[in-house]
Structures are given as C-alpha cells and as structure tokens.
Protein backbone atom coordinates (compact mmCIF):
# COMPACT_ATOMS: atom_id res chain seq x y z
CA MET A 1 88.40 112.53 113.57
CA TYR A 2 85.41 112.39 111.20
CA ASN A 3 84.00 115.28 109.18
CA MET A 4 81.42 114.95 106.39
CA GLY A 5 82.66 111.67 104.96
CA LEU A 6 86.32 112.50 105.63
CA TYR A 7 88.51 110.95 108.30
CA PHE A 8 91.57 112.83 109.55
CA PHE A 9 94.44 111.11 111.31
CA GLU A 10 97.96 111.70 112.51
CA ILE A 11 100.72 109.12 112.52
CA LYS A 12 104.39 109.60 113.39
CA GLY A 13 104.16 113.39 113.10
CA LYS A 14 102.34 113.56 109.75
CA TYR A 15 98.71 114.37 109.01
CA PHE A 16 96.35 112.76 106.51
CA VAL A 17 92.84 112.95 105.14
CA TYR A 18 91.03 109.78 104.10
CA ASP A 19 87.76 109.69 102.16
CA ILE A 20 85.59 106.98 103.71
CA ASN A 21 83.59 106.34 100.54
CA THR A 22 86.29 106.45 97.85
CA THR A 23 89.20 105.21 100.08
CA ALA A 24 91.41 107.99 98.67
CA CYS A 25 94.10 109.14 101.10
CA ALA A 26 96.43 112.15 101.01
CA ALA A 27 98.97 113.82 103.26
CA ILE A 28 97.93 117.29 104.44
CA SER A 29 99.38 120.07 106.58
CA PRO A 30 98.19 120.63 110.17
CA VAL A 31 96.52 123.82 108.90
CA ALA A 32 94.32 121.77 106.57
CA LEU A 33 92.85 119.86 109.51
CA ASN A 34 90.72 122.95 110.10
CA ILE A 35 90.51 124.51 106.66
CA LEU A 36 89.64 121.46 104.54
CA PRO A 37 86.32 120.71 106.31
CA ASP A 38 85.33 124.36 105.93
CA LEU A 39 86.28 124.39 102.26
CA LYS A 40 84.10 121.35 101.74
CA LYS A 41 81.21 123.44 103.06
CA ASN A 42 82.00 126.15 100.48
CA SER A 43 83.09 128.61 103.17
CA HIS A 44 86.07 129.86 101.17
CA ASP A 45 85.41 133.61 101.52
CA ASN A 46 85.48 133.77 105.30
CA LEU A 47 88.40 131.45 106.01
CA SER A 48 91.16 134.08 106.09
CA GLN A 49 89.25 136.07 108.68
CA LYS A 50 88.21 133.01 110.67
CA TYR A 51 91.74 131.65 111.12
CA ARG A 52 93.73 134.91 111.14
CA ASN A 53 94.54 134.60 114.85
CA ILE A 54 95.76 131.03 114.44
CA TYR A 55 97.67 130.98 111.14
CA SER A 56 99.52 133.52 109.02
CA ASP A 57 98.02 134.84 105.78
CA LYS A 58 100.71 132.96 103.85
CA GLN A 59 99.88 129.66 105.60
CA ILE A 60 96.17 130.12 104.92
CA SER A 61 96.70 131.09 101.28
CA LEU A 62 98.96 128.14 100.56
CA CYS A 63 96.68 125.73 102.40
CA LEU A 64 93.60 127.01 100.53
CA LYS A 65 95.31 126.37 97.21
CA GLN A 66 96.42 122.85 98.16
CA CYS A 67 93.06 121.90 99.67
CA GLN A 68 91.14 123.16 96.65
CA GLU A 69 93.40 121.10 94.38
CA LEU A 70 92.63 118.09 96.55
CA LEU A 71 88.88 118.64 96.30
CA ASP A 72 89.10 119.26 92.55
CA THR A 73 90.35 115.71 92.01
CA GLY A 74 86.84 114.51 92.86
CA LYS A 75 88.25 111.83 95.14
CA PHE A 76 87.55 113.65 98.40
CA GLY A 77 84.15 114.59 99.72
CA SER A 78 82.16 113.42 96.70
CA ALA A 79 79.02 111.38 97.28
CA SER A 80 79.63 107.76 96.37
CA PRO A 81 77.13 105.81 94.26
CA ALA A 82 74.82 103.53 96.22
CA TYR A 83 76.30 100.09 96.72
CA ARG A 84 74.20 97.24 95.40
CA HIS A 85 75.43 93.99 96.84
CA HIS A 86 75.74 91.22 94.28
CA ILE A 87 75.10 87.70 95.58
CA GLN A 88 77.86 85.63 94.03
CA LYS A 89 76.70 82.10 93.27
CA ASP A 90 79.16 80.97 90.61
CA LEU A 91 82.20 79.21 92.04
CA ILE A 92 85.56 80.58 90.99
CA SER A 93 87.62 79.05 93.81
CA ILE A 94 87.43 75.78 95.70
CA VAL A 95 89.83 74.68 98.43
CA LEU A 96 90.19 70.97 99.13
CA HIS A 97 91.20 70.09 102.69
CA VAL A 98 93.00 66.99 101.50
CA ALA A 99 94.59 66.24 104.89
CA HIS A 100 93.17 66.79 108.35
CA THR A 101 96.40 65.64 109.89
CA CYS A 102 99.87 67.10 110.19
CA ASN A 103 103.46 65.97 110.73
CA MET A 104 104.20 68.98 112.97
CA GLN A 105 102.88 70.34 116.28
CA CYS A 106 103.17 74.12 116.07
CA GLN A 107 102.61 75.85 119.40
CA TYR A 108 100.14 78.37 117.96
CA CYS A 109 98.13 76.06 115.71
CA TYR A 110 94.43 77.02 115.73
CA ALA A 111 93.39 73.71 114.11
CA ASP A 112 94.28 71.13 116.77
CA ASN A 113 97.66 70.34 115.20
CA GLY A 114 96.00 69.94 111.84
CA GLU A 115 93.27 67.59 113.03
CA PHE A 116 90.47 70.21 113.16
CA GLY A 117 88.62 69.10 116.26
CA ASN A 118 90.27 65.70 116.70
CA LYS A 119 88.86 64.39 113.42
CA PRO A 120 92.06 63.30 111.63
CA GLY A 121 91.85 61.90 108.15
CA LEU A 122 92.78 62.16 104.49
CA MET A 123 90.37 63.09 101.71
CA SER A 124 89.41 60.14 99.49
CA GLU A 125 89.47 60.15 95.71
CA GLU A 126 85.69 59.79 95.69
CA VAL A 127 85.17 62.97 97.72
CA MET A 128 87.76 64.80 95.61
CA ARG A 129 85.99 63.92 92.35
CA LYS A 130 82.57 64.87 93.71
CA ALA A 131 83.94 68.19 94.96
CA LEU A 132 85.50 69.04 91.61
CA THR A 133 82.35 68.00 89.77
CA LEU A 134 80.47 70.44 91.98
CA ALA A 135 83.02 73.16 91.24
CA PHE A 136 82.70 72.79 87.47
CA GLU A 137 78.90 72.58 87.60
CA GLN A 138 78.57 75.59 89.90
CA GLY A 139 81.10 77.61 87.91
CA LYS A 140 79.76 77.15 84.39
CA ARG A 141 79.45 80.88 83.74
CA SER A 142 83.01 81.61 84.79
CA ASP A 143 85.98 81.08 82.48
CA PHE A 144 88.35 80.60 85.44
CA LEU A 145 88.67 78.22 88.39
CA GLU A 146 91.16 78.26 91.26
CA VAL A 147 91.72 74.93 92.99
CA GLY A 148 93.53 75.08 96.32
CA PHE A 149 94.92 72.35 98.55
CA PHE A 150 95.05 72.82 102.30
CA GLY A 151 95.47 71.00 105.59
CA GLY A 152 96.86 70.08 108.15
CA GLU A 153 99.75 69.33 105.87
CA PRO A 154 98.32 68.73 102.37
CA LEU A 155 101.47 67.03 101.06
CA LEU A 156 100.66 64.08 103.33
CA ASN A 157 98.09 63.35 100.62
CA PHE A 158 100.25 64.19 97.61
CA ARG A 159 98.95 61.17 95.70
CA LEU A 160 95.47 62.67 95.75
CA ILE A 161 96.75 66.12 94.79
CA ARG A 162 98.32 64.67 91.63
CA LYS A 163 95.07 62.93 90.73
CA ALA A 164 93.07 66.08 91.39
CA VAL A 165 95.28 68.17 89.13
CA GLU A 166 95.02 65.59 86.36
CA HIS A 167 91.23 65.51 86.74
CA VAL A 168 90.96 69.32 86.72
CA ARG A 169 93.16 69.61 83.63
CA THR A 170 90.94 67.14 81.77
CA GLN A 171 87.72 68.89 82.74
CA ALA A 172 89.20 72.32 81.96
CA ARG A 173 90.04 71.25 78.41
CA LEU A 174 86.49 69.96 77.89
CA THR A 175 84.92 73.17 79.21
CA ASP A 176 87.48 75.65 77.84
CA LYS A 177 88.21 76.96 81.33
CA MET A 178 91.42 78.47 82.65
CA VAL A 179 92.61 76.95 85.93
CA ASN A 180 95.14 77.79 88.59
CA PHE A 181 96.33 75.70 91.52
CA SER A 182 97.44 76.82 94.97
CA LEU A 183 98.82 75.07 98.03
CA THR A 184 99.87 76.01 101.56
CA SER A 185 102.53 73.76 103.06
CA ASN A 186 105.01 73.57 105.94
CA ALA A 187 107.59 72.46 103.29
CA THR A 188 108.93 69.55 105.36
CA LEU A 189 107.86 66.95 102.78
CA LEU A 190 109.18 68.66 99.67
CA ASN A 191 111.32 66.35 97.54
CA ALA A 192 112.46 66.35 93.93
CA GLU A 193 109.27 64.72 92.65
CA ILE A 194 106.96 67.12 94.50
CA MET A 195 109.04 70.20 93.69
CA SER A 196 109.11 69.34 90.00
CA PHE A 197 105.37 68.76 89.95
CA LEU A 198 104.52 72.04 91.73
CA ALA A 199 106.78 74.01 89.39
CA GLU A 200 105.52 72.35 86.21
CA GLU A 201 101.89 72.95 87.18
CA LYS A 202 102.72 76.57 88.12
CA PHE A 203 101.20 76.34 91.60
CA SER A 204 100.71 79.50 93.64
CA LEU A 205 102.41 78.52 96.88
CA ILE A 206 102.72 79.54 100.51
CA PHE A 207 105.52 77.96 102.49
CA SER A 208 105.63 78.45 106.27
CA LEU A 209 108.89 79.65 107.82
CA ASP A 210 108.95 81.82 110.93
CA GLY A 211 112.29 83.49 110.31
CA PRO A 212 115.60 82.67 112.05
CA ALA A 213 116.01 79.35 113.82
CA LYS A 214 115.86 80.87 117.33
CA ILE A 215 112.29 82.05 116.61
CA HIS A 216 111.08 79.34 114.25
CA ASP A 217 112.25 76.40 116.37
CA ARG A 218 110.59 77.86 119.43
CA MET A 219 107.16 77.47 117.82
CA ARG A 220 107.27 75.13 114.82
CA LEU A 221 108.18 71.68 116.13
CA ASP A 222 107.94 68.19 114.69
CA LYS A 223 105.84 65.48 116.30
CA LYS A 224 108.70 64.54 118.61
CA GLY A 225 109.15 68.13 119.76
CA GLY A 226 112.27 68.63 117.69
CA PRO A 227 113.38 71.62 115.56
CA THR A 228 112.33 71.95 111.93
CA HIS A 229 114.01 75.17 110.75
CA GLN A 230 117.04 73.65 109.04
CA LEU A 231 115.01 71.09 107.08
CA ILE A 232 112.35 73.58 105.96
CA LEU A 233 114.85 76.26 104.96
CA GLN A 234 116.88 73.74 102.96
CA HIS A 235 113.78 72.59 101.09
CA ILE A 236 112.55 76.12 100.30
CA LEU A 237 115.95 77.28 99.09
CA THR A 238 116.30 74.17 96.92
CA PHE A 239 112.91 74.89 95.37
CA LYS A 240 113.85 78.54 94.79
CA GLU A 241 117.23 77.79 93.26
CA ASN A 242 116.29 74.80 91.09
CA TYR A 243 112.59 75.03 90.30
CA SER A 244 110.76 78.33 90.84
CA ASN A 245 110.65 81.53 92.89
CA ARG A 246 106.86 81.76 92.47
CA PHE A 247 105.88 81.44 96.11
CA MET A 248 105.21 83.38 99.28
CA VAL A 249 107.07 82.69 102.51
CA ARG A 250 104.79 83.21 105.46
CA GLY A 251 105.87 83.56 109.07
CA THR A 252 103.84 83.91 112.24
CA PHE A 253 104.54 85.95 115.34
CA THR A 254 103.00 85.68 118.80
CA ALA A 255 102.94 87.54 122.10
CA THR A 256 106.00 85.54 123.14
CA THR A 257 107.83 86.17 119.85
CA PRO A 258 106.84 89.82 119.20
CA ASN A 259 110.02 91.04 117.46
CA PHE A 260 108.66 90.26 114.01
CA ALA A 261 110.71 92.98 112.29
CA GLU A 262 113.63 90.60 112.79
CA GLN A 263 111.65 87.84 111.06
CA VAL A 264 110.81 90.11 108.12
CA LEU A 265 114.42 91.19 107.64
CA TYR A 266 115.70 87.63 107.90
CA LEU A 267 113.32 86.39 105.20
CA ASN A 268 114.25 89.32 102.96
CA GLU A 269 117.94 88.59 103.39
CA LEU A 270 117.26 85.11 102.02
CA GLY A 271 116.06 86.72 98.79
CA PHE A 272 112.41 85.69 98.77
CA ASP A 273 110.21 87.77 96.47
CA SER A 274 106.99 87.58 98.49
CA ILE A 275 106.96 87.71 102.28
CA SER A 276 104.28 87.93 104.93
CA VAL A 277 104.66 87.71 108.69
CA GLU A 278 101.31 87.45 110.43
CA PRO A 279 99.93 87.60 113.98
CA ALA A 280 98.82 84.27 115.41
CA GLN A 281 95.03 84.22 115.69
CA LEU A 282 94.27 82.67 119.06
CA GLU A 283 91.79 82.77 121.93
CA ASP A 284 92.51 85.47 124.53
CA SER A 285 93.31 82.81 127.11
CA HIS A 286 96.05 81.25 124.97
CA PRO A 287 99.55 82.01 126.32
CA HIS A 288 100.75 83.13 122.88
CA CYS A 289 97.76 85.37 122.10
CA ILE A 290 98.57 89.01 121.28
CA SER A 291 95.12 90.49 121.96
CA PRO A 292 95.22 91.64 125.62
CA ASP A 293 95.84 95.40 125.60
CA GLY A 294 99.40 95.46 126.89
CA LYS A 295 100.50 92.82 124.43
CA ILE A 296 98.90 94.38 121.37
CA LEU A 297 100.45 97.76 122.16
CA ARG A 298 103.82 96.04 121.97
CA ILE A 299 102.86 94.70 118.54
CA LEU A 300 101.76 98.14 117.29
CA HIS A 301 105.13 99.53 118.36
CA GLU A 302 106.91 96.80 116.41
CA TYR A 303 104.98 97.80 113.27
CA ASP A 304 106.23 101.36 113.87
CA THR A 305 109.78 100.05 114.00
CA LEU A 306 109.29 98.04 110.83
CA ALA A 307 107.89 101.11 109.03
CA ASP A 308 111.08 103.02 109.84
CA ILE A 309 113.15 100.14 108.49
CA TYR A 310 110.95 99.87 105.37
CA VAL A 311 111.47 103.57 104.56
CA GLU A 312 115.20 103.43 105.23
CA HIS A 313 115.60 100.50 102.86
CA LEU A 314 113.53 102.19 100.15
CA ILE A 315 115.56 105.40 100.35
CA THR A 316 118.88 103.56 100.22
CA GLY A 317 117.84 101.45 97.23
CA ARG A 318 117.47 98.18 99.16
CA PRO A 319 113.66 97.75 99.26
CA ILE A 320 112.27 94.97 101.38
CA ARG A 321 109.14 92.89 100.96
CA PHE A 322 106.41 92.90 103.58
CA PHE A 323 102.92 91.99 102.42
CA HIS A 324 100.95 94.26 104.74
CA PHE A 325 102.87 97.42 103.82
CA ASP A 326 103.16 96.49 100.15
CA ASP A 327 99.44 95.77 99.91
CA ALA A 328 98.33 98.86 101.86
CA LEU A 329 100.56 101.06 99.71
CA ARG A 330 98.95 99.61 96.59
CA ARG A 331 95.52 100.45 98.02
CA ILE A 332 96.57 104.03 98.74
CA ILE A 333 98.24 104.59 95.37
CA PHE A 334 95.40 102.88 93.48
CA PRO A 335 92.34 103.45 95.72
CA GLU A 336 89.29 101.30 95.10
CA PRO A 337 86.56 100.68 97.69
CA TYR A 338 85.35 97.15 98.31
CA HIS A 339 82.66 95.86 100.61
CA LYS A 340 83.80 92.30 101.38
CA GLN A 341 87.19 90.97 102.37
CA CYS A 342 86.76 87.82 100.31
CA GLY A 343 84.20 85.69 98.49
CA ALA A 344 83.58 83.26 101.35
CA GLY A 345 80.46 81.21 100.72
CA GLY A 346 79.97 82.83 97.32
CA GLY A 347 82.70 82.46 94.74
CA LEU A 348 84.87 80.66 97.28
CA VAL A 349 84.09 77.43 99.14
CA ALA A 350 86.10 74.75 100.93
CA VAL A 351 85.60 71.00 101.22
CA ALA A 352 86.50 68.93 104.30
CA PRO A 353 87.85 65.37 103.94
CA ASP A 354 84.42 63.94 104.77
CA GLY A 355 82.78 65.91 101.95
CA ARG A 356 81.18 68.69 103.98
CA LEU A 357 81.14 72.12 102.35
CA PHE A 358 82.28 75.29 104.14
CA PRO A 359 82.39 78.95 103.12
CA CYS A 360 86.21 79.08 103.19
CA PHE A 361 89.21 77.03 104.29
CA GLU A 362 89.50 79.03 107.53
CA ALA A 363 85.86 78.37 108.49
CA VAL A 364 86.30 74.58 108.45
CA VAL A 365 87.38 74.74 112.11
CA GLU A 366 83.80 75.24 113.37
CA ASP A 367 81.19 72.58 112.53
CA GLU A 368 78.38 75.16 112.64
CA ASN A 369 79.85 76.86 109.55
CA CYS A 370 78.95 73.87 107.34
CA ILE A 371 76.90 74.97 104.30
CA GLY A 372 76.31 71.63 102.57
CA HIS A 373 77.86 68.39 101.37
CA VAL A 374 79.29 67.18 98.07
CA ASP A 375 76.58 64.48 97.94
CA THR A 376 73.65 66.86 98.39
CA GLY A 377 74.99 70.24 97.28
CA PHE A 378 74.56 73.51 99.12
CA ASP A 379 72.13 74.31 101.89
CA ARG A 380 70.86 77.51 100.28
CA GLN A 381 69.95 79.35 103.48
CA LYS A 382 73.18 78.51 105.30
CA ARG A 383 75.24 79.54 102.29
CA LEU A 384 73.21 82.72 101.88
CA ARG A 385 74.11 83.70 105.44
CA PHE A 386 77.70 84.21 104.29
CA GLN A 387 76.87 85.53 100.83
CA LYS A 388 74.68 88.38 102.07
CA ILE A 389 77.11 89.89 104.56
CA HIS A 390 79.29 92.88 103.69
CA ALA A 391 80.73 95.90 105.48
CA ASP A 392 77.49 97.87 105.54
CA THR A 393 75.47 95.02 107.07
CA LYS A 394 77.66 95.02 110.19
CA LYS A 395 76.76 97.75 112.67
CA VAL A 396 80.30 98.11 114.00
CA CYS A 397 81.67 98.36 110.46
CA ARG A 398 79.08 100.90 109.31
CA ASP A 399 80.54 103.37 111.81
CA CYS A 400 84.19 102.58 111.00
CA TRP A 401 86.30 104.83 108.78
CA ILE A 402 88.29 102.03 107.13
CA LYS A 403 85.35 99.75 106.29
CA TYR A 404 85.76 99.99 102.50
CA SER A 405 89.48 99.30 102.66
CA CYS A 406 89.18 96.23 104.88
CA GLY A 407 85.80 94.97 103.62
CA GLY A 408 84.38 94.22 107.04
CA GLY A 409 86.90 91.68 108.28
CA CYS A 410 87.04 87.90 108.24
CA HIS A 411 83.73 86.06 108.79
CA ALA A 412 85.51 83.04 110.25
CA PHE A 413 87.42 85.11 112.81
CA ASN A 414 84.21 86.87 113.85
CA ILE A 415 82.48 83.54 114.49
CA ARG A 416 85.45 81.96 116.22
CA TYR A 417 86.30 84.76 118.62
CA ASN A 418 82.98 86.61 119.04
CA ASN A 419 80.48 83.85 118.29
CA ASN A 420 78.83 86.34 115.95
CA ILE A 421 79.50 86.70 112.22
CA ASN A 422 78.45 90.36 112.39
CA VAL A 423 80.91 91.43 115.08
CA PRO A 424 84.47 92.00 113.82
CA TYR A 425 87.43 90.58 115.71
CA GLU A 426 88.76 93.74 117.37
CA PRO A 427 92.48 92.88 117.58
CA ASN A 428 92.49 92.29 113.84
CA CYS A 429 90.70 95.63 113.30
CA LEU A 430 93.34 97.47 115.33
CA LEU A 431 96.17 95.96 113.30
CA ILE A 432 94.50 96.71 109.95
CA LYS A 433 94.00 100.37 110.87
CA HIS A 434 97.51 100.83 112.22
CA ARG A 435 99.17 99.17 109.23
CA TYR A 436 97.15 101.33 106.84
CA LYS A 437 98.15 104.52 108.66
CA LEU A 438 101.80 103.48 108.62
CA ALA A 439 101.60 102.79 104.88
CA ALA A 440 100.26 106.35 104.38
CA TRP A 441 103.21 107.64 106.41
CA ILE A 442 105.65 105.55 104.34
CA LEU A 443 104.24 107.00 101.12
CA ALA A 444 104.50 110.56 102.47
CA LYS A 445 108.13 110.01 103.47
CA ILE A 446 108.97 108.70 99.99
CA VAL A 447 107.14 111.59 98.26
CA GLU A 448 109.49 113.91 100.15
CA GLN A 449 112.39 112.22 98.35
CA GLY A 450 111.14 113.32 94.92
CA ASP A 451 109.53 111.88 91.80
CA GLU A 452 112.22 109.29 91.13
CA ALA A 453 111.85 107.76 94.59
CA LEU A 454 108.07 107.70 94.20
CA GLU A 455 108.29 105.90 90.85
CA LYS A 456 110.61 103.31 92.39
CA LEU A 457 108.12 102.75 95.19
CA LYS A 458 105.25 102.33 92.73
CA SER A 459 107.29 99.80 90.78
CA HIS A 460 108.16 97.96 93.99
CA VAL A 461 104.61 97.56 95.28
CA SER A 462 102.86 96.98 91.96
CA ILE A 463 104.33 93.49 91.79
CA LYS A 464 101.56 91.28 93.18
CA PRO A 465 102.61 88.38 95.44
CA ALA A 466 101.90 84.82 94.38
CA ASP A 467 98.95 84.42 96.72
CA PRO A 468 96.48 81.60 96.92
CA ALA A 469 92.84 82.62 96.65
CA CYS A 470 92.63 84.30 100.04
CA HIS A 471 94.54 86.66 102.24
CA PRO A 472 97.79 85.21 103.69
CA GLU A 473 96.84 85.97 107.27
CA GLN A 474 94.02 83.46 106.90
CA SER A 475 96.36 80.52 106.46
CA GLN A 476 98.28 79.90 109.64
C-alpha cells in the first residue's frame, strides 16, 4: 500500500512503514496504518474524532505519540534531494574470464558448462597483459583496483592467475595504487600450492558448495557424471583450517531442490563465516527453473521457514549466517538509498578470453553485450548504454517501492530473460521484496527481546562478508 512516498506492508503478522526515498523502515502498529498517513498531512487535530468509532482514545493517543516520533526523525515522508546520475568512467574493478572451460557439468549451469556458447578456451598472457594495461590506464584517478578471476573454472588457468597477480603488484607499486584480488571457484582443483598462494595474496574468495551431499551431488557433477561433494568439502575445510577463513561459501537451489533452509543450516554447522545460498537463474523452460508461479510460491514459503530459524538461533545465542538476511538487515539498520545495483559497464568491466570487453562477468554470456576489445578499447556508445541506466530510468522500477534498496536489478538478467535491459527479471524482483520484508520482521522480533538482543544482532550483521566485486547471486 502506497501513501505519499510511504509504503506500508504486513509480513507474518507484523506491520511496517517504508520510506521509498530514504529507504528507512520501521515497525508500526495496525492503528498507524491509518493514522500515520493522516499525520503526514498535518491532520493531527481531527484524528481522535475521525477514528473514535474504530480505536479507543488510549490507542489513538499512544499511536499519535509514536507516529509523531517517527516523523520527527526526518527519515519518513521527507522530500529527497534530486538524484543526479554520475557516469562512472574510471575503472575500479576488472574481472578476467581466464577460463571458458570447466571440469564439472553442473545441472543448472547458465554458461554451457563453463564454455559460454560453445567457445571453450583459456585466456592468453597477451590478452591478460592488455586487459590489465587498460585497467590501469582507465583507472588513473582511482587509488584502488579490484582484479577478479572467473570462469568456467578459473583454476584451470592457475599459471596465468599467478602471472597476472605478479604483473598487477608491479604496476600497483609504480602507480601507488591499492589492489585486491578475488576469485570464484568450484574448489575441486585446490592443492597446497594454490591454497598457499590465495591466502598469501589475501584473495576474496567464493567457493561453491550446495550443502549436504544428497543435494550437492544431485546437481554438481564431474565430467563423468560422478559426485564431487566429498572432494570439494575436503578442500574447503583444509583451506579453512590451515590457510584462511576469508571466503564465502555459496550454494545454489533449484525448483527440484527447494529445501534450501537445510543447505543454509548445513553450511553453518561446518563453521563457515560467510554463507550464501542462491536461486538458480534459468530460462522458464528449464526443468530446474523456479520462476513458474507454483514453484516460486514454494520458494517464498521456504524463506519464511528460514526466517523463523534465523530468529530462533539469534534468540538462543547461536546466530547463523545467511547473506540475504544479513545484508537486508544491514540495509534496514543503516538505510542508504542507491540507484544502481552495481557498476556494470562503468567502474566494473569483464574481459573474455578472446579479449572482448563486457560490462560485467555475468553479461559475458550474451555476445550482444560486448562493449569493446582490449586491442581497440571501449565502444563509447555501447558502454554508455550500461552506464546511463539506473532505477529511475526503468519504467517498471520507477513505480516500485523497493527501487532504491535494490537499485533496479541486474542488467544482465534483464537482457537474458526479457531481451530488454530496461525490464527487470520478475522472479528476482519477487525474491528481493520478500527477503527484505522478512528481514524487517526479523528485526522487529529481535527488538522485542530488548536492547541487549538488538546490540548482538547489530554486531552479527555488521561483519561484511568477503565478497568479490559483485553480488554473490551473480556468480553461479
């Protein structure tokens, strides 16, 4: 329900008001659903008379006091300053697709088993050096550069990764630039040499593990169709115990493996500090796709179940990690509107093994997303297409209450599933909204436990996960 820049919603028996412009969110009483909009219109004097037949004088008086306190914070109902979109040209993050090939055949892979349109190959040292030269030249005004490695399975080209890191370190010293490295891997190829290198260079890491073997081995198979859970788990635990715990473990769920609360709990029981379990992003016709209505309702119900578990664990002093609740809670506790989900095509670009430039590592799937080449630089107009877009340029997003919390969705998903960069991918929108509402409910439940419980929650969610440059759901 919208009213003068405010959005009211109910979730699991609790009521909330959300300011569309500031992204502030607060729990309210059912009485305030009527009174708060009137208060915002400065109708204070007539409210007792207006609602006398609906609420008691005590209810109205208490609600008036609480609503006025809410408005006095300045976070609800205030006009937001006009947004002036900044076109980001300076590179701060580059992702090298060092391997368009993979040693696994996951059942839900969106990238043709790592071959991205049947174009398998490894990035050459020549392309790597040209890409990094471009990154340093295009990022001169920034004192920071993130260099990511992606695939397929990037560790199939570990030799090149080592050379790239050495090259970046040299250039960073010459230009007085801070650098960070990230990598997403299936963890099958981890060995002592690779683990030591990743830890010493302080990589931000995502390792893929879908939870218990009965779920993981149903989807994540090797090239011979065999299970991979035992090998991957052994490698990740070895890395955690002997080298570093600075990584995220990321699982995937599908329409045929919808009980993802079990996956989340399993990964938490293993003691990982950063955990995300994401929906597989697939075409509607794919047998594992969650988007048809009946299937996605099942997924929304599972999030409800996980929210109950999340609260129970917080109250009993056994908090669990789950990226989407942790992150949404941070956004509610520390509200800050933003107009883009990421810097795709602006501060962030990706490079395919053949040297073509793309707005992000997710967008490499579609050839039409190409925005240049390492030999010739950027095609200004094609790059600008991605740089100019934000939540307010998309008609569907302009009318959406959560637009400044989600930033208008993923460009690559919009192109892939709607063939239109301006039309958000609806299943993803539904999940974002539902997870946000559940996070608001979680916070309200913890507030009921008192100040000590709230401080523990704040401490729990303020720890940022060791993410690569982009959102974990964009690296399947």
